[in-house]
Amino acid sequence: MVKTANEVMQEVIFSVVIDAVEALKAASKGLPNTLLRDINAIHANTTFNDLPPELQAMISGGVRTALTRLLREGYSVSPAQGAPPRNPPPQSHRPDRGPRPGPRPGKPPMRRDGPNERRPAPKGGRPSRGPRPR
């Protein structure tokens, strides 16, 4: 029976978690306080080199085993390549015109109240949009 990629990855991750717990137990040499200290030392910013040597060896072996298993199940494992090139932004529907110019220096921005009305914006910032809710 062919397994889906999700099933294979779930089995691989489950095996790695169980092996990691066993490696932490081996690193503590049967001392519960040492085991607890080692577990509490693992957090989101822990690096690979911060882990006990037994756990490092287990993770290295687990990765090799996982990749071998994926290949054996028929999945393709290839080296990472850069992200595919992004498509250029779409062209403007009016290629003969450039970008719209901003407001002229020294002149206040114009505000539109109606379809044809233009008047300077009030001093002190943004134009008002009606009474503010309280």
C-alpha atoms as a PDB file:
ATOM      1  CA  MET A   1       0.000   0.000   0.000  1.00  0.00           C
ATOM      2  CA  VAL A   2       1.320   3.447  -0.955  1.00  0.00           C
ATOM      3  CA  LYS A   3       1.515   5.965   1.865  1.00  0.00           C
ATOM      4  CA  THR A   4       0.862   9.658   1.422  1.00  0.00           C
ATOM      5  CA  ALA A   5       3.605  12.166   2.137  1.00  0.00           C
ATOM      6  CA  ASN A   6       1.710  13.248   5.269  1.00  0.00           C
ATOM      7  CA  GLU A   7       1.641   9.689   6.633  1.00  0.00           C
ATOM      8  CA  VAL A   8       5.346   9.185   5.949  1.00  0.00           C
ATOM      9  CA  MET A   9       6.279  12.501   7.579  1.00  0.00           C
ATOM     10  CA  GLN A  10       4.056  11.783  10.590  1.00  0.00           C
ATOM     11  CA  GLU A  11       5.791   8.440  11.128  1.00  0.00           C
ATOM     12  CA  VAL A  12       9.223  10.036  10.700  1.00  0.00           C
ATOM     13  CA  ILE A  13       8.483  12.858  13.159  1.00  0.00           C
ATOM     14  CA  PHE A  14       6.982  10.455  15.694  1.00  0.00           C
ATOM     15  CA  SER A  15      10.091   8.272  15.516  1.00  0.00           C
ATOM     16  CA  VAL A  16      12.379  11.280  15.917  1.00  0.00           C
ATOM     17  CA  VAL A  17      10.478  12.565  18.968  1.00  0.00           C
ATOM     18  CA  ILE A  18      10.635   9.154  20.667  1.00  0.00           C
ATOM     19  CA  ASP A  19      14.345   8.859  19.824  1.00  0.00           C
ATOM     20  CA  ALA A  20      14.948  12.396  21.171  1.00  0.00           C
ATOM     21  CA  VAL A  21      13.342  11.526  24.510  1.00  0.00           C
ATOM     22  CA  GLU A  22      15.478   8.383  24.702  1.00  0.00           C
ATOM     23  CA  ALA A  23      18.607  10.411  23.866  1.00  0.00           C
ATOM     24  CA  LEU A  24      17.778  12.944  26.610  1.00  0.00           C
ATOM     25  CA  LYS A  25      17.350  10.073  29.083  1.00  0.00           C
ATOM     26  CA  ALA A  26      20.713   8.658  28.039  1.00  0.00           C
ATOM     27  CA  ALA A  27      22.355  12.091  28.387  1.00  0.00           C
ATOM     28  CA  SER A  28      21.047  12.423  31.960  1.00  0.00           C
ATOM     29  CA  LYS A  29      22.582   9.030  32.898  1.00  0.00           C
ATOM     30  CA  GLY A  30      19.441   8.038  34.790  1.00  0.00           C
ATOM     31  CA  LEU A  31      19.401  11.079  37.086  1.00  0.00           C
ATOM     32  CA  PRO A  32      15.906  12.645  37.121  1.00  0.00           C
ATOM     33  CA  ASN A  33      17.137  16.109  38.159  1.00  0.00           C
ATOM     34  CA  THR A  34      19.640  16.169  35.296  1.00  0.00           C
ATOM     35  CA  LEU A  35      16.943  15.056  32.849  1.00  0.00           C
ATOM     36  CA  LEU A  36      14.642  17.815  34.065  1.00  0.00           C
ATOM     37  CA  ARG A  37      17.439  20.400  33.826  1.00  0.00           C
ATOM     38  CA  ASP A  38      18.258  19.307  30.251  1.00  0.00           C
ATOM     39  CA  ILE A  39      14.595  19.478  29.205  1.00  0.00           C
ATOM     40  CA  ASN A  40      14.140  22.914  30.804  1.00  0.00           C
ATOM     41  CA  ALA A  41      17.249  24.174  28.991  1.00  0.00           C
ATOM     42  CA  ILE A  42      15.560  23.590  25.603  1.00  0.00           C
ATOM     43  CA  HIS A  43      13.597  26.611  24.361  1.00  0.00           C
ATOM     44  CA  ALA A  44      12.773  28.418  21.110  1.00  0.00           C
ATOM     45  CA  ASN A  45      16.236  30.012  20.817  1.00  0.00           C
ATOM     46  CA  THR A  46      18.220  26.853  21.548  1.00  0.00           C
ATOM     47  CA  THR A  47      20.769  26.053  18.853  1.00  0.00           C
ATOM     48  CA  PHE A  48      21.913  22.623  17.753  1.00  0.00           C
ATOM     49  CA  ASN A  49      25.255  23.087  19.541  1.00  0.00           C
ATOM     50  CA  ASP A  50      23.458  23.842  22.849  1.00  0.00           C
ATOM     51  CA  LEU A  51      21.948  20.340  22.937  1.00  0.00           C
ATOM     52  CA  PRO A  52      23.595  17.408  24.742  1.00  0.00           C
ATOM     53  CA  PRO A  53      25.962  15.405  22.491  1.00  0.00           C
ATOM     54  CA  GLU A  54      23.730  12.320  22.667  1.00  0.00           C
ATOM     55  CA  LEU A  55      20.775  14.327  21.355  1.00  0.00           C
ATOM     56  CA  GLN A  56      22.910  15.909  18.623  1.00  0.00           C
ATOM     57  CA  ALA A  57      23.984  12.453  17.427  1.00  0.00           C
ATOM     58  CA  MET A  58      20.378  11.220  17.474  1.00  0.00           C
ATOM     59  CA  ILE A  59      19.165  14.190  15.423  1.00  0.00           C
ATOM     60  CA  SER A  60      21.908  13.732  12.824  1.00  0.00           C
ATOM     61  CA  GLY A  61      21.121  10.049  12.501  1.00  0.00           C
ATOM     62  CA  GLY A  62      17.371  10.752  12.432  1.00  0.00           C
ATOM     63  CA  VAL A  63      17.717  13.189   9.545  1.00  0.00           C
ATOM     64  CA  ARG A  64      19.721  10.669   7.515  1.00  0.00           C
ATOM     65  CA  THR A  65      17.148   7.976   8.267  1.00  0.00           C
ATOM     66  CA  ALA A  66      14.241  10.268   7.349  1.00  0.00           C
ATOM     67  CA  LEU A  67      15.758  11.243   4.007  1.00  0.00           C
ATOM     68  CA  THR A  68      16.554   7.607   3.207  1.00  0.00           C
ATOM     69  CA  ARG A  69      12.999   6.599   4.086  1.00  0.00           C
ATOM     70  CA  LEU A  70      11.483   9.327   1.913  1.00  0.00           C
ATOM     71  CA  LEU A  71      13.626   8.207  -1.026  1.00  0.00           C
ATOM     72  CA  ARG A  72      12.672   4.576  -0.409  1.00  0.00           C
ATOM     73  CA  GLU A  73       8.965   5.530  -0.393  1.00  0.00           C
ATOM     74  CA  GLY A  74       9.428   7.148  -3.811  1.00  0.00           C
ATOM     75  CA  TYR A  75       9.487  10.822  -2.865  1.00  0.00           C
ATOM     76  CA  SER A  76      11.973  13.180  -4.471  1.00  0.00           C
ATOM     77  CA  VAL A  77      14.482  14.873  -2.198  1.00  0.00           C
ATOM     78  CA  SER A  78      16.641  17.490  -3.897  1.00  0.00           C
ATOM     79  CA  PRO A  79      18.910  20.288  -2.750  1.00  0.00           C
ATOM     80  CA  ALA A  80      17.250  23.607  -2.055  1.00  0.00           C
ATOM     81  CA  GLN A  81      17.391  26.116  -4.856  1.00  0.00           C
ATOM     82  CA  GLY A  82      16.666  29.798  -4.730  1.00  0.00           C
ATOM     83  CA  ALA A  83      13.091  30.915  -4.885  1.00  0.00           C
ATOM     84  CA  PRO A  84      11.667  30.891  -8.400  1.00  0.00           C
ATOM     85  CA  PRO A  85      11.970  34.271 -10.101  1.00  0.00           C
ATOM     86  CA  ARG A  86       9.025  36.538  -9.475  1.00  0.00           C
ATOM     87  CA  ASN A  87       6.962  37.750 -12.382  1.00  0.00           C
ATOM     88  CA  PRO A  88       7.502  41.428 -13.170  1.00  0.00           C
ATOM     89  CA  PRO A  89       4.693  43.736 -12.062  1.00  0.00           C
ATOM     90  CA  PRO A  90       1.954  44.161 -14.654  1.00  0.00           C
ATOM     91  CA  GLN A  91       2.380  47.010 -17.096  1.00  0.00           C
ATOM     92  CA  SER A  92       0.183  50.049 -16.706  1.00  0.00           C
ATOM     93  CA  HIS A  93      -2.718  50.201 -19.118  1.00  0.00           C
ATOM     94  CA  ARG A  94      -1.344  53.603 -20.213  1.00  0.00           C
ATOM     95  CA  PRO A  95       2.329  52.940 -20.963  1.00  0.00           C
ATOM     96  CA  ASP A  96       2.773  56.376 -22.587  1.00  0.00           C
ATOM     97  CA  ARG A  97       2.289  58.127 -19.232  1.00  0.00           C
ATOM     98  CA  GLY A  98       4.725  58.034 -16.345  1.00  0.00           C
ATOM     99  CA  PRO A  99       3.862  57.975 -12.650  1.00  0.00           C
ATOM    100  CA  ARG A 100       1.633  60.727 -11.353  1.00  0.00           C
ATOM    101  CA  PRO A 101       3.557  63.661  -9.911  1.00  0.00           C
ATOM    102  CA  GLY A 102       3.153  64.520  -6.249  1.00  0.00           C
ATOM    103  CA  PRO A 103       2.047  67.911  -4.919  1.00  0.00           C
ATOM    104  CA  ARG A 104       4.140  70.884  -5.951  1.00  0.00           C
ATOM    105  CA  PRO A 105       6.592  72.093  -3.313  1.00  0.00           C
ATOM    106  CA  GLY A 106       5.300  74.968  -1.210  1.00  0.00           C
ATOM    107  CA  LYS A 107       1.680  74.484  -2.257  1.00  0.00           C
ATOM    108  CA  PRO A 108      -0.936  72.941   0.086  1.00  0.00           C
ATOM    109  CA  PRO A 109      -2.479  69.646  -1.048  1.00  0.00           C
ATOM    110  CA  MET A 110      -5.849  69.934  -2.745  1.00  0.00           C
ATOM    111  CA  ARG A 111      -8.969  68.295  -1.334  1.00  0.00           C
ATOM    112  CA  ARG A 112     -12.004  67.189  -3.304  1.00  0.00           C
ATOM    113  CA  ASP A 113     -15.408  67.652  -1.678  1.00  0.00           C
ATOM    114  CA  GLY A 114     -17.564  66.854  -4.638  1.00  0.00           C
ATOM    115  CA  PRO A 115     -17.104  65.596  -8.159  1.00  0.00           C
ATOM    116  CA  ASN A 116     -15.877  68.974  -9.476  1.00  0.00           C
ATOM    117  CA  GLU A 117     -15.036  70.983  -6.350  1.00  0.00           C
ATOM    118  CA  ARG A 118     -11.424  71.527  -5.322  1.00  0.00           C
ATOM    119  CA  ARG A 119     -10.224  73.620  -2.419  1.00  0.00           C
ATOM    120  CA  PRO A 120      -7.123  73.664  -0.219  1.00  0.00           C
ATOM    121  CA  ALA A 121      -7.045  71.223   2.674  1.00  0.00           C
ATOM    122  CA  PRO A 122      -7.330  72.801   6.144  1.00  0.00           C
ATOM    123  CA  LYS A 123      -4.071  73.604   7.873  1.00  0.00           C
ATOM    124  CA  GLY A 124      -2.873  71.221  10.528  1.00  0.00           C
ATOM    125  CA  GLY A 125      -2.915  67.884   8.788  1.00  0.00           C
ATOM    126  CA  ARG A 126      -5.343  65.511   7.299  1.00  0.00           C
ATOM    127  CA  PRO A 127      -8.687  66.620   5.848  1.00  0.00           C
ATOM    128  CA  SER A 128     -11.670  66.051   8.104  1.00  0.00           C
ATOM    129  CA  ARG A 129     -14.038  63.207   7.296  1.00  0.00           C
ATOM    130  CA  GLY A 130     -16.949  64.439   9.364  1.00  0.00           C
ATOM    131  CA  PRO A 131     -17.504  64.415  13.114  1.00  0.00           C
ATOM    132  CA  ARG A 132     -15.384  61.961  15.061  1.00  0.00           C
ATOM    133  CA  PRO A 133     -17.148  59.288  17.126  1.00  0.00           C
ATOM    134  CA  ARG A 134     -16.691  59.623  20.874  1.00  0.00           C
END
